[in-house]
Each structure stands twice: as C-alpha cells, then as structure tokens.
Amino acid sequence: MLFMLIIKASSRSEAGILPSEDLRQAMDLYNEELIDAGVRVMAKGLQPSANGLRISFINPGEQPVITEGPFDNPNELVAGFFLIDVKSKEEAIYWAKKAPDPQGYGEGQIELRQLY
C-alpha cells in the first residue's frame, strides 16, 4: 500500500529558511530508517511557493488561469513529501509518528494520505 506523508509548509519554509543542522541530521536518520526498513520509495523537499505557479481551470473549455506565487496561508501549502510502501494503514501511521517535527519549533505538520 502506498502512502504519502505530506509535509506541510510553515512561514519559515516559505521564506526559504532551511531547517537547523540538528533537524537536518534527524531527518537524515529518519530517511535511513525508512530505507533500512525497505519502505521508502521517494522523499523530496519543495522550494517555496514564491518559485511556483498555480494553474486554475476556472471555466470549462477556456484556457486555464496561471497565478505566480508566493501563495497565502503557508500551513495549507506543501513543503515536501515522503512516499512509503507499507503493508497497512497502521504501519503508515507508525512511520509518520516516528518522523521528527519536519519544521522544528513545534510548527511541523504531516498529512498522511493513501494513494489509489
């Protein structure tokens, strides 16, 4: 079963501020654990939304509207993800709970979603 651990953005990640060295090391260890357990498929961080675009399909049959970032509400944006292949939802929850606070400072949030 494939699950995505969606790392929610914060005001710090949207400002392009990298996590502390301690947090980066904790994330490296977490990645190693996922790899050693044979469950990690992929993991990547995203650049701030200031470097992104939104393509909105407002009216059927018309050209989409392109909006350049940055976008409001950092806690509704995505800063990165882990894609894991596990045997059950319970195992996915286990791995999500083992992750370090992805933003640090008590601001981190992970959304867990199963893929079709």
PDB file of N, CA and C in Angstrom:
ATOM      1  N   MET A   1       0.840  -1.172   0.000  1.00  0.00           N
ATOM      2  CA  MET A   1       0.000   0.000   0.000  1.00  0.00           C
ATOM      3  C   MET A   1       0.891   1.244   0.000  1.00  0.00           C
ATOM      4  N   LEU A   2       0.622   2.134  -0.918  1.00  0.00           N
ATOM      5  CA  LEU A   2       1.403   3.364  -0.997  1.00  0.00           C
ATOM      6  C   LEU A   2       0.734   4.469  -0.193  1.00  0.00           C
ATOM      7  N   PHE A   3       1.532   5.146   0.602  1.00  0.00           N
ATOM      8  CA  PHE A   3       1.076   6.288   1.377  1.00  0.00           C
ATOM      9  C   PHE A   3       2.035   7.446   1.163  1.00  0.00           C
ATOM     10  N   MET A   4       1.499   8.652   1.159  1.00  0.00           N
ATOM     11  CA  MET A   4       2.320   9.851   1.078  1.00  0.00           C
ATOM     12  C   MET A   4       2.234  10.582   2.413  1.00  0.00           C
ATOM     13  N   LEU A   5       3.382  10.872   2.968  1.00  0.00           N
ATOM     14  CA  LEU A   5       3.474  11.730   4.138  1.00  0.00           C
ATOM     15  C   LEU A   5       3.738  13.123   3.590  1.00  0.00           C
ATOM     16  N   ILE A   6       2.728  13.962   3.619  1.00  0.00           N
ATOM     17  CA  ILE A   6       2.813  15.302   3.051  1.00  0.00           C
ATOM     18  C   ILE A   6       3.278  16.253   4.146  1.00  0.00           C
ATOM     19  N   ILE A   7       4.421  16.849   3.941  1.00  0.00           N
ATOM     20  CA  ILE A   7       4.987  17.788   4.910  1.00  0.00           C
ATOM     21  C   ILE A   7       4.395  19.164   4.627  1.00  0.00           C
ATOM     22  N   LYS A   8       3.651  19.677   5.583  1.00  0.00           N
ATOM     23  CA  LYS A   8       3.019  20.976   5.401  1.00  0.00           C
ATOM     24  C   LYS A   8       4.080  22.079   5.567  1.00  0.00           C
ATOM     25  N   ALA A   9       3.873  23.151   4.848  1.00  0.00           N
ATOM     26  CA  ALA A   9       4.801  24.287   4.891  1.00  0.00           C
ATOM     27  C   ALA A   9       4.589  25.103   6.164  1.00  0.00           C
ATOM     28  N   SER A  10       5.487  26.020   6.398  1.00  0.00           N
ATOM     29  CA  SER A  10       5.383  26.972   7.512  1.00  0.00           C
ATOM     30  C   SER A  10       5.884  28.320   6.999  1.00  0.00           C
ATOM     31  N   SER A  11       5.751  29.326   7.818  1.00  0.00           N
ATOM     32  CA  SER A  11       6.264  30.639   7.406  1.00  0.00           C
ATOM     33  C   SER A  11       7.773  30.577   7.173  1.00  0.00           C
ATOM     34  N   ARG A  12       8.474  29.735   7.939  1.00  0.00           N
ATOM     35  CA  ARG A  12       9.926  29.602   7.752  1.00  0.00           C
ATOM     36  C   ARG A  12      10.263  28.917   6.432  1.00  0.00           C
ATOM     37  N   SER A  13       9.579  27.823   6.125  1.00  0.00           N
ATOM     38  CA  SER A  13       9.894  27.125   4.872  1.00  0.00           C
ATOM     39  C   SER A  13       9.511  27.983   3.674  1.00  0.00           C
ATOM     40  N   GLU A  14       8.431  28.739   3.792  1.00  0.00           N
ATOM     41  CA  GLU A  14       8.023  29.624   2.704  1.00  0.00           C
ATOM     42  C   GLU A  14       8.999  30.780   2.516  1.00  0.00           C
ATOM     43  N   ALA A  15       9.719  31.139   3.570  1.00  0.00           N
ATOM     44  CA  ALA A  15      10.733  32.187   3.470  1.00  0.00           C
ATOM     45  C   ALA A  15      12.062  31.624   2.948  1.00  0.00           C
ATOM     46  N   GLY A  16      12.093  30.310   2.707  1.00  0.00           N
ATOM     47  CA  GLY A  16      13.310  29.693   2.198  1.00  0.00           C
ATOM     48  C   GLY A  16      14.335  29.412   3.278  1.00  0.00           C
ATOM     49  N   ILE A  17      13.918  29.453   4.542  1.00  0.00           N
ATOM     50  CA  ILE A  17      14.830  29.191   5.658  1.00  0.00           C
ATOM     51  C   ILE A  17      14.947  27.680   5.833  1.00  0.00           C
ATOM     52  N   LEU A  18      16.143  27.163   5.661  1.00  0.00           N
ATOM     53  CA  LEU A  18      16.364  25.731   5.813  1.00  0.00           C
ATOM     54  C   LEU A  18      16.273  25.337   7.282  1.00  0.00           C
ATOM     55  N   PRO A  19      15.897  24.087   7.547  1.00  0.00           N
ATOM     56  CA  PRO A  19      15.857  23.617   8.934  1.00  0.00           C
ATOM     57  C   PRO A  19      17.242  23.686   9.574  1.00  0.00           C
ATOM     58  N   SER A  20      17.259  23.655  10.891  1.00  0.00           N
ATOM     59  CA  SER A  20      18.526  23.676  11.625  1.00  0.00           C
ATOM     60  C   SER A  20      19.344  22.442  11.278  1.00  0.00           C
ATOM     61  N   GLU A  21      20.617  22.509  11.566  1.00  0.00           N
ATOM     62  CA  GLU A  21      21.512  21.370  11.326  1.00  0.00           C
ATOM     63  C   GLU A  21      21.026  20.150  12.099  1.00  0.00           C
ATOM     64  N   ASP A  22      20.587  20.339  13.354  1.00  0.00           N
ATOM     65  CA  ASP A  22      20.088  19.226  14.159  1.00  0.00           C
ATOM     66  C   ASP A  22      18.883  18.571  13.501  1.00  0.00           C
ATOM     67  N   LEU A  23      17.966  19.383  12.982  1.00  0.00           N
ATOM     68  CA  LEU A  23      16.775  18.835  12.338  1.00  0.00           C
ATOM     69  C   LEU A  23      17.145  18.131  11.034  1.00  0.00           C
ATOM     70  N   ARG A  24      18.077  18.687  10.289  1.00  0.00           N
ATOM     71  CA  ARG A  24      18.517  18.030   9.053  1.00  0.00           C
ATOM     72  C   ARG A  24      19.131  16.658   9.365  1.00  0.00           C
ATOM     73  N   GLN A  25      19.910  16.585  10.428  1.00  0.00           N
ATOM     74  CA  GLN A  25      20.504  15.303  10.830  1.00  0.00           C
ATOM     75  C   GLN A  25      19.414  14.318  11.263  1.00  0.00           C
ATOM     76  N   ALA A  26      18.423  14.810  12.007  1.00  0.00           N
ATOM     77  CA  ALA A  26      17.318  13.946  12.438  1.00  0.00           C
ATOM     78  C   ALA A  26      16.540  13.427  11.218  1.00  0.00           C
ATOM     79  N   MET A  27      16.343  14.284  10.229  1.00  0.00           N
ATOM     80  CA  MET A  27      15.659  13.861   9.003  1.00  0.00           C
ATOM     81  C   MET A  27      16.494  12.843   8.234  1.00  0.00           C
ATOM     82  N   ASP A  28      17.822  13.032   8.202  1.00  0.00           N
ATOM     83  CA  ASP A  28      18.700  12.062   7.542  1.00  0.00           C
ATOM     84  C   ASP A  28      18.589  10.693   8.211  1.00  0.00           C
ATOM     85  N   LEU A  29      18.562  10.685   9.548  1.00  0.00           N
ATOM     86  CA  LEU A  29      18.427   9.420  10.281  1.00  0.00           C
ATOM     87  C   LEU A  29      17.074   8.769   9.997  1.00  0.00           C
ATOM     88  N   TYR A  30      16.021   9.580   9.969  1.00  0.00           N
ATOM     89  CA  TYR A  30      14.689   9.069   9.669  1.00  0.00           C
ATOM     90  C   TYR A  30      14.666   8.452   8.264  1.00  0.00           C
ATOM     91  N   ASN A  31      15.257   9.149   7.297  1.00  0.00           N
ATOM     92  CA  ASN A  31      15.349   8.618   5.936  1.00  0.00           C
ATOM     93  C   ASN A  31      16.085   7.285   5.915  1.00  0.00           C
ATOM     94  N   GLU A  32      17.174   7.199   6.666  1.00  0.00           N
ATOM     95  CA  GLU A  32      17.940   5.957   6.727  1.00  0.00           C
ATOM     96  C   GLU A  32      17.097   4.824   7.312  1.00  0.00           C
ATOM     97  N   GLU A  33      16.314   5.143   8.349  1.00  0.00           N
ATOM     98  CA  GLU A  33      15.427   4.132   8.940  1.00  0.00           C
ATOM     99  C   GLU A  33      14.412   3.626   7.918  1.00  0.00           C
ATOM    100  N   LEU A  34      13.815   4.550   7.169  1.00  0.00           N
ATOM    101  CA  LEU A  34      12.839   4.170   6.151  1.00  0.00           C
ATOM    102  C   LEU A  34      13.476   3.283   5.085  1.00  0.00           C
ATOM    103  N   ILE A  35      14.687   3.664   4.667  1.00  0.00           N
ATOM    104  CA  ILE A  35      15.403   2.887   3.648  1.00  0.00           C
ATOM    105  C   ILE A  35      15.768   1.507   4.188  1.00  0.00           C
ATOM    106  N   ASP A  36      16.322   1.472   5.404  1.00  0.00           N
ATOM    107  CA  ASP A  36      16.724   0.194   6.007  1.00  0.00           C
ATOM    108  C   ASP A  36      15.535  -0.745   6.187  1.00  0.00           C
ATOM    109  N   ALA A  37      14.361  -0.186   6.460  1.00  0.00           N
ATOM    110  CA  ALA A  37      13.151  -0.995   6.635  1.00  0.00           C
ATOM    111  C   ALA A  37      12.552  -1.410   5.294  1.00  0.00           C
ATOM    112  N   GLY A  38      13.085  -0.843   4.215  1.00  0.00           N
ATOM    113  CA  GLY A  38      12.601  -1.184   2.884  1.00  0.00           C
ATOM    114  C   GLY A  38      11.245  -0.591   2.536  1.00  0.00           C
ATOM    115  N   VAL A  39      10.873   0.520   3.180  1.00  0.00           N
ATOM    116  CA  VAL A  39       9.560   1.111   2.921  1.00  0.00           C
ATOM    117  C   VAL A  39       9.615   2.427   2.147  1.00  0.00           C
ATOM    118  N   ARG A  40      10.759   3.087   2.121  1.00  0.00           N
ATOM    119  CA  ARG A  40      10.828   4.374   1.427  1.00  0.00           C
ATOM    120  C   ARG A  40      10.915   4.176  -0.080  1.00  0.00           C
ATOM    121  N   VAL A  41      10.015   4.853  -0.787  1.00  0.00           N
ATOM    122  CA  VAL A  41      10.036   4.858  -2.244  1.00  0.00           C
ATOM    123  C   VAL A  41      10.741   6.118  -2.726  1.00  0.00           C
ATOM    124  N   MET A  42      10.404   7.245  -2.113  1.00  0.00           N
ATOM    125  CA  MET A  42      10.968   8.532  -2.517  1.00  0.00           C
ATOM    126  C   MET A  42      10.717   9.553  -1.408  1.00  0.00           C
ATOM    127  N   ALA A  43      11.575  10.544  -1.342  1.00  0.00           N
ATOM    128  CA  ALA A  43      11.392  11.661  -0.414  1.00  0.00           C
ATOM    129  C   ALA A  43      12.028  12.893  -1.040  1.00  0.00           C
ATOM    130  N   LYS A  44      11.298  13.993  -1.034  1.00  0.00           N
ATOM    131  CA  LYS A  44      11.811  15.239  -1.609  1.00  0.00           C
ATOM    132  C   LYS A  44      11.222  16.430  -0.867  1.00  0.00           C
ATOM    133  N   GLY A  45      11.989  17.503  -0.854  1.00  0.00           N
ATOM    134  CA  GLY A  45      11.507  18.778  -0.356  1.00  0.00           C
ATOM    135  C   GLY A  45      11.175  19.667  -1.544  1.00  0.00           C
ATOM    136  N   LEU A  46      10.285  20.613  -1.329  1.00  0.00           N
ATOM    137  CA  LEU A  46       9.883  21.540  -2.385  1.00  0.00           C
ATOM    138  C   LEU A  46      10.424  22.934  -2.096  1.00  0.00           C
ATOM    139  N   GLN A  47      10.718  23.667  -3.146  1.00  0.00           N
ATOM    140  CA  GLN A  47      11.112  25.061  -2.990  1.00  0.00           C
ATOM    141  C   GLN A  47       9.892  25.863  -2.525  1.00  0.00           C
ATOM    142  N   PRO A  48      10.093  27.038  -1.952  1.00  0.00           N
ATOM    143  CA  PRO A  48       8.974  27.866  -1.505  1.00  0.00           C
ATOM    144  C   PRO A  48       8.010  28.180  -2.648  1.00  0.00           C
ATOM    145  N   SER A  49       6.767  28.455  -2.301  1.00  0.00           N
ATOM    146  CA  SER A  49       5.746  28.729  -3.318  1.00  0.00           C
ATOM    147  C   SER A  49       6.058  29.975  -4.133  1.00  0.00           C
ATOM    148  N   ALA A  50       6.963  30.830  -3.665  1.00  0.00           N
ATOM    149  CA  ALA A  50       7.370  32.004  -4.445  1.00  0.00           C
ATOM    150  C   ALA A  50       7.970  31.572  -5.788  1.00  0.00           C
ATOM    151  N   ASN A  51       8.475  30.347  -5.850  1.00  0.00           N
ATOM    152  CA  ASN A  51       9.051  29.828  -7.085  1.00  0.00           C
ATOM    153  C   ASN A  51       8.062  28.972  -7.875  1.00  0.00           C
ATOM    154  N   GLY A  52       6.801  28.976  -7.454  1.00  0.00           N
ATOM    155  CA  GLY A  52       5.813  28.112  -8.088  1.00  0.00           C
ATOM    156  C   GLY A  52       4.720  28.875  -8.820  1.00  0.00           C
ATOM    157  N   LEU A  53       3.879  28.103  -9.453  1.00  0.00           N
ATOM    158  CA  LEU A  53       2.727  28.628 -10.194  1.00  0.00           C
ATOM    159  C   LEU A  53       1.500  27.821  -9.809  1.00  0.00           C
ATOM    160  N   ARG A  54       0.329  28.438  -9.937  1.00  0.00           N
ATOM    161  CA  ARG A  54      -0.942  27.729  -9.843  1.00  0.00           C
ATOM    162  C   ARG A  54      -1.629  27.834 -11.181  1.00  0.00           C
ATOM    163  N   ILE A  55      -2.110  26.712 -11.644  1.00  0.00           N
ATOM    164  CA  ILE A  55      -2.868  26.677 -12.878  1.00  0.00           C
ATOM    165  C   ILE A  55      -4.304  26.349 -12.493  1.00  0.00           C
ATOM    166  N   SER A  56      -5.208  27.320 -12.660  1.00  0.00           N
ATOM    167  CA  SER A  56      -6.604  27.167 -12.241  1.00  0.00           C
ATOM    168  C   SER A  56      -7.496  26.998 -13.465  1.00  0.00           C
ATOM    169  N   PHE A  57      -8.289  25.943 -13.444  1.00  0.00           N
ATOM    170  CA  PHE A  57      -9.224  25.643 -14.530  1.00  0.00           C
ATOM    171  C   PHE A  57     -10.596  26.166 -14.109  1.00  0.00           C
ATOM    172  N   ILE A  58     -10.819  27.442 -14.386  1.00  0.00           N
ATOM    173  CA  ILE A  58     -11.994  28.144 -13.870  1.00  0.00           C
ATOM    174  C   ILE A  58     -13.235  27.893 -14.719  1.00  0.00           C
ATOM    175  N   ASN A  59     -13.096  27.995 -16.023  1.00  0.00           N
ATOM    176  CA  ASN A  59     -14.235  27.819 -16.922  1.00  0.00           C
ATOM    177  C   ASN A  59     -13.957  26.689 -17.899  1.00  0.00           C
ATOM    178  N   PRO A  60     -14.817  25.648 -17.895  1.00  0.00           N
ATOM    179  CA  PRO A  60     -14.607  24.528 -18.817  1.00  0.00           C
ATOM    180  C   PRO A  60     -14.484  25.019 -20.266  1.00  0.00           C
ATOM    181  N   GLY A  61     -13.505  24.458 -20.964  1.00  0.00           N
ATOM    182  CA  GLY A  61     -13.310  24.810 -22.364  1.00  0.00           C
ATOM    183  C   GLY A  61     -12.471  26.052 -22.596  1.00  0.00           C
ATOM    184  N   GLU A  62     -12.197  26.819 -21.547  1.00  0.00           N
ATOM    185  CA  GLU A  62     -11.362  28.021 -21.680  1.00  0.00           C
ATOM    186  C   GLU A  62      -9.951  27.727 -21.195  1.00  0.00           C
ATOM    187  N   GLN A  63      -9.031  28.586 -21.576  1.00  0.00           N
ATOM    188  CA  GLN A  63      -7.650  28.446 -21.125  1.00  0.00           C
ATOM    189  C   GLN A  63      -7.581  28.588 -19.599  1.00  0.00           C
ATOM    190  N   PRO A  64      -6.730  27.815 -18.962  1.00  0.00           N
ATOM    191  CA  PRO A  64      -6.570  27.962 -17.515  1.00  0.00           C
ATOM    192  C   PRO A  64      -5.905  29.293 -17.175  1.00  0.00           C
ATOM    193  N   VAL A  65      -6.123  29.718 -15.944  1.00  0.00           N
ATOM    194  CA  VAL A  65      -5.527  30.950 -15.433  1.00  0.00           C
ATOM    195  C   VAL A  65      -4.269  30.577 -14.651  1.00  0.00           C
ATOM    196  N   ILE A  66      -3.169  31.257 -14.965  1.00  0.00           N
ATOM    197  CA  ILE A  66      -1.898  30.992 -14.275  1.00  0.00           C
ATOM    198  C   ILE A  66      -1.639  32.115 -13.286  1.00  0.00           C
ATOM    199  N   THR A  67      -1.378  31.716 -12.040  1.00  0.00           N
ATOM    200  CA  THR A  67      -1.069  32.669 -10.974  1.00  0.00           C
ATOM    201  C   THR A  67       0.311  32.343 -10.428  1.00  0.00           C
ATOM    202  N   GLU A  68       1.171  33.339 -10.382  1.00  0.00           N
ATOM    203  CA  GLU A  68       2.512  33.138  -9.831  1.00  0.00           C
ATOM    204  C   GLU A  68       2.484  33.261  -8.311  1.00  0.00           C
ATOM    205  N   GLY A  69       3.343  32.449  -7.641  1.00  0.00           N
ATOM    206  CA  GLY A  69       3.480  32.532  -6.193  1.00  0.00           C
ATOM    207  C   GLY A  69       4.233  33.778  -5.810  1.00  0.00           C
ATOM    208  N   PRO A  70       4.351  34.077  -4.545  1.00  0.00           N
ATOM    209  CA  PRO A  70       4.028  33.201  -3.417  1.00  0.00           C
ATOM    210  C   PRO A  70       2.525  33.178  -3.127  1.00  0.00           C
ATOM    211  N   PHE A  71       2.120  32.115  -2.424  1.00  0.00           N
ATOM    212  CA  PHE A  71       0.728  31.927  -2.073  1.00  0.00           C
ATOM    213  C   PHE A  71       0.526  32.134  -0.583  1.00  0.00           C
ATOM    214  N   ASP A  72      -0.673  32.571  -0.232  1.00  0.00           N
ATOM    215  CA  ASP A  72      -1.020  32.823   1.177  1.00  0.00           C
ATOM    216  C   ASP A  72      -1.183  31.512   1.944  1.00  0.00           C
ATOM    217  N   ASN A  73      -1.316  31.649   3.250  1.00  0.00           N
ATOM    218  CA  ASN A  73      -1.609  30.531   4.159  1.00  0.00           C
ATOM    219  C   ASN A  73      -0.577  29.407   4.070  1.00  0.00           C
ATOM    220  N   PRO A  74       0.625  29.653   4.548  1.00  0.00           N
ATOM    221  CA  PRO A  74       1.685  28.644   4.469  1.00  0.00           C
ATOM    222  C   PRO A  74       1.270  27.274   5.014  1.00  0.00           C
ATOM    223  N   ASN A  75       0.457  27.254   6.066  1.00  0.00           N
ATOM    224  CA  ASN A  75       0.097  25.958   6.655  1.00  0.00           C
ATOM    225  C   ASN A  75      -0.834  25.145   5.755  1.00  0.00           C
ATOM    226  N   GLU A  76      -1.312  25.741   4.658  1.00  0.00           N
ATOM    227  CA  GLU A  76      -2.121  24.999   3.690  1.00  0.00           C
ATOM    228  C   GLU A  76      -1.291  24.561   2.477  1.00  0.00           C
ATOM    229  N   LEU A  77      -0.017  24.903   2.478  1.00  0.00           N
ATOM    230  CA  LEU A  77       0.869  24.568   1.368  1.00  0.00           C
ATOM    231  C   LEU A  77       1.702  23.336   1.704  1.00  0.00           C
ATOM    232  N   VAL A  78       2.358  22.783   0.709  1.00  0.00           N
ATOM    233  CA  VAL A  78       3.193  21.594   0.876  1.00  0.00           C
ATOM    234  C   VAL A  78       4.663  22.002   0.778  1.00  0.00           C
ATOM    235  N   ALA A  79       5.469  21.516   1.723  1.00  0.00           N
ATOM    236  CA  ALA A  79       6.898  21.809   1.726  1.00  0.00           C
ATOM    237  C   ALA A  79       7.726  20.607   1.270  1.00  0.00           C
ATOM    238  N   GLY A  80       7.125  19.423   1.267  1.00  0.00           N
ATOM    239  CA  GLY A  80       7.844  18.229   0.857  1.00  0.00           C
ATOM    240  C   GLY A  80       7.000  16.996   1.086  1.00  0.00           C
ATOM    241  N   PHE A  81       7.602  15.824   0.818  1.00  0.00           N
ATOM    242  CA  PHE A  81       6.853  14.589   0.994  1.00  0.00           C
ATOM    243  C   PHE A  81       7.779  13.391   1.131  1.00  0.00           C
ATOM    244  N   PHE A  82       7.230  12.349   1.713  1.00  0.00           N
ATOM    245  CA  PHE A  82       7.823  11.021   1.715  1.00  0.00           C
ATOM    246  C   PHE A  82       6.789  10.110   1.075  1.00  0.00           C
ATOM    247  N   LEU A  83       7.220   9.231   0.198  1.00  0.00           N
ATOM    248  CA  LEU A  83       6.344   8.213  -0.364  1.00  0.00           C
ATOM    249  C   LEU A  83       6.818   6.888   0.193  1.00  0.00           C
ATOM    250  N   ILE A  84       5.907   6.178   0.882  1.00  0.00           N
ATOM    251  CA  ILE A  84       6.292   4.918   1.519  1.00  0.00           C
ATOM    252  C   ILE A  84       5.385   3.789   1.012  1.00  0.00           C
ATOM    253  N   ASP A  85       5.921   2.597   0.984  1.00  0.00           N
ATOM    254  CA  ASP A  85       5.195   1.400   0.565  1.00  0.00           C
ATOM    255  C   ASP A  85       5.165   0.462   1.766  1.00  0.00           C
ATOM    256  N   VAL A  86       3.988   0.329   2.372  1.00  0.00           N
ATOM    257  CA  VAL A  86       3.840  -0.433   3.611  1.00  0.00           C
ATOM    258  C   VAL A  86       2.711  -1.455   3.455  1.00  0.00           C
ATOM    259  N   LYS A  87       2.563  -2.317   4.464  1.00  0.00           N
ATOM    260  CA  LYS A  87       1.572  -3.384   4.405  1.00  0.00           C
ATOM    261  C   LYS A  87       0.187  -2.956   4.895  1.00  0.00           C
ATOM    262  N   SER A  88       0.117  -1.847   5.670  1.00  0.00           N
ATOM    263  CA  SER A  88      -1.170  -1.465   6.255  1.00  0.00           C
ATOM    264  C   SER A  88      -1.185   0.020   6.607  1.00  0.00           C
ATOM    265  N   LYS A  89      -2.382   0.531   6.839  1.00  0.00           N
ATOM    266  CA  LYS A  89      -2.533   1.913   7.298  1.00  0.00           C
ATOM    267  C   LYS A  89      -1.859   2.088   8.656  1.00  0.00           C
ATOM    268  N   GLU A  90      -1.968   1.074   9.492  1.00  0.00           N
ATOM    269  CA  GLU A  90      -1.344   1.139  10.820  1.00  0.00           C
ATOM    270  C   GLU A  90       0.168   1.289  10.710  1.00  0.00           C
ATOM    271  N   GLU A  91       0.777   0.588   9.758  1.00  0.00           N
ATOM    272  CA  GLU A  91       2.224   0.723   9.561  1.00  0.00           C
ATOM    273  C   GLU A  91       2.572   2.118   9.045  1.00  0.00           C
ATOM    274  N   ALA A  92       1.732   2.662   8.171  1.00  0.00           N
ATOM    275  CA  ALA A  92       1.958   4.028   7.673  1.00  0.00           C
ATOM    276  C   ALA A  92       1.892   5.024   8.832  1.00  0.00           C
ATOM    277  N   ILE A  93       0.927   4.841   9.707  1.00  0.00           N
ATOM    278  CA  ILE A  93       0.806   5.717  10.880  1.00  0.00           C
ATOM    279  C   ILE A  93       2.037   5.579  11.772  1.00  0.00           C
ATOM    280  N   TYR A  94       2.499   4.359  11.954  1.00  0.00           N
ATOM    281  CA  TYR A  94       3.707   4.109  12.746  1.00  0.00           C
ATOM    282  C   TYR A  94       4.874   4.940  12.213  1.00  0.00           C
ATOM    283  N   TRP A  95       5.104   4.888  10.887  1.00  0.00           N
ATOM    284  CA  TRP A  95       6.228   5.620  10.308  1.00  0.00           C
ATOM    285  C   TRP A  95       6.005   7.124  10.360  1.00  0.00           C
ATOM    286  N   ALA A  96       4.789   7.574  10.172  1.00  0.00           N
ATOM    287  CA  ALA A  96       4.506   9.010  10.247  1.00  0.00           C
ATOM    288  C   ALA A  96       4.789   9.536  11.652  1.00  0.00           C
ATOM    289  N   LYS A  97       4.430   8.767  12.667  1.00  0.00           N
ATOM    290  CA  LYS A  97       4.653   9.198  14.053  1.00  0.00           C
ATOM    291  C   LYS A  97       6.133   9.200  14.428  1.00  0.00           C
ATOM    292  N   LYS A  98       6.941   8.402  13.735  1.00  0.00           N
ATOM    293  CA  LYS A  98       8.382   8.353  14.014  1.00  0.00           C
ATOM    294  C   LYS A  98       9.147   9.542  13.425  1.00  0.00           C
ATOM    295  N   ALA A  99       8.517  10.250  12.502  1.00  0.00           N
ATOM    296  CA  ALA A  99       9.203  11.366  11.839  1.00  0.00           C
ATOM    297  C   ALA A  99       9.506  12.471  12.846  1.00  0.00           C
ATOM    298  N   PRO A 100      10.639  13.134  12.693  1.00  0.00           N
ATOM    299  CA  PRO A 100      10.899  14.318  13.516  1.00  0.00           C
ATOM    300  C   PRO A 100       9.971  15.452  13.072  1.00  0.00           C
ATOM    301  N   ASP A 101       9.757  16.415  13.953  1.00  0.00           N
ATOM    302  CA  ASP A 101       8.959  17.598  13.602  1.00  0.00           C
ATOM    303  C   ASP A 101       9.582  18.192  12.344  1.00  0.00           C
ATOM    304  N   PRO A 102       8.906  18.121  11.197  1.00  0.00           N
ATOM    305  CA  PRO A 102       9.550  18.496   9.938  1.00  0.00           C
ATOM    306  C   PRO A 102       9.868  19.981   9.794  1.00  0.00           C
ATOM    307  N   GLN A 103       9.249  20.822  10.590  1.00  0.00           N
ATOM    308  CA  GLN A 103       9.542  22.250  10.514  1.00  0.00           C
ATOM    309  C   GLN A 103      10.345  22.724  11.722  1.00  0.00           C
ATOM    310  N   GLY A 104      10.363  21.943  12.775  1.00  0.00           N
ATOM    311  CA  GLY A 104      11.003  22.375  14.008  1.00  0.00           C
ATOM    312  C   GLY A 104      10.136  23.417  14.694  1.00  0.00           C
ATOM    313  N   TYR A 105      10.515  23.846  15.828  1.00  0.00           N
ATOM    314  CA  TYR A 105       9.834  24.929  16.545  1.00  0.00           C
ATOM    315  C   TYR A 105       8.380  24.596  16.869  1.00  0.00           C
ATOM    316  N   GLY A 106       7.993  23.310  16.858  1.00  0.00           N
ATOM    317  CA  GLY A 106       6.613  22.940  17.137  1.00  0.00           C
ATOM    318  C   GLY A 106       5.637  23.351  16.059  1.00  0.00           C
ATOM    319  N   GLU A 107       6.134  23.684  14.858  1.00  0.00           N
ATOM    320  CA  GLU A 107       5.268  24.133  13.759  1.00  0.00           C
ATOM    321  C   GLU A 107       4.985  23.038  12.748  1.00  0.00           C
ATOM    322  N   GLY A 108       5.640  21.896  12.887  1.00  0.00           N
ATOM    323  CA  GLY A 108       5.527  20.867  11.873  1.00  0.00           C
ATOM    324  C   GLY A 108       4.178  20.175  11.863  1.00  0.00           C
ATOM    325  N   GLN A 109       3.785  19.769  10.672  1.00  0.00           N
ATOM    326  CA  GLN A 109       2.546  19.015  10.500  1.00  0.00           C
ATOM    327  C   GLN A 109       2.725  18.091   9.301  1.00  0.00           C
ATOM    328  N   ILE A 110       2.298  16.849   9.487  1.00  0.00           N
ATOM    329  CA  ILE A 110       2.357  15.863   8.417  1.00  0.00           C
ATOM    330  C   ILE A 110       0.941  15.388   8.133  1.00  0.00           C
ATOM    331  N   GLU A 111       0.573  15.400   6.870  1.00  0.00           N
ATOM    332  CA  GLU A 111      -0.706  14.854   6.451  1.00  0.00           C
ATOM    333  C   GLU A 111      -0.433  13.508   5.800  1.00  0.00           C
ATOM    334  N   LEU A 112      -1.127  12.469   6.248  1.00  0.00           N
ATOM    335  CA  LEU A 112      -0.926  11.114   5.741  1.00  0.00           C
ATOM    336  C   LEU A 112      -2.077  10.771   4.804  1.00  0.00           C
ATOM    337  N   ARG A 113      -1.725  10.409   3.548  1.00  0.00           N
ATOM    338  CA  ARG A 113      -2.754  10.089   2.553  1.00  0.00           C
ATOM    339  C   ARG A 113      -2.355   8.834   1.784  1.00  0.00           C
ATOM    340  N   GLN A 114      -3.333   7.951   1.581  1.00  0.00           N
ATOM    341  CA  GLN A 114      -3.094   6.750   0.788  1.00  0.00           C
ATOM    342  C   GLN A 114      -3.290   7.064  -0.687  1.00  0.00           C
ATOM    343  N   LEU A 115      -2.443   6.478  -1.522  1.00  0.00           N
ATOM    344  CA  LEU A 115      -2.578   6.645  -2.975  1.00  0.00           C
ATOM    345  C   LEU A 115      -3.537   5.603  -3.522  1.00  0.00           C
ATOM    346  N   TYR A 116      -4.175   5.925  -4.630  1.00  0.00           N
ATOM    347  CA  TYR A 116      -5.015   4.936  -5.323  1.00  0.00           C
ATOM    348  C   TYR A 116      -4.137   3.956  -6.031  1.00  0.00           C
TER     349      TYR A 116
END
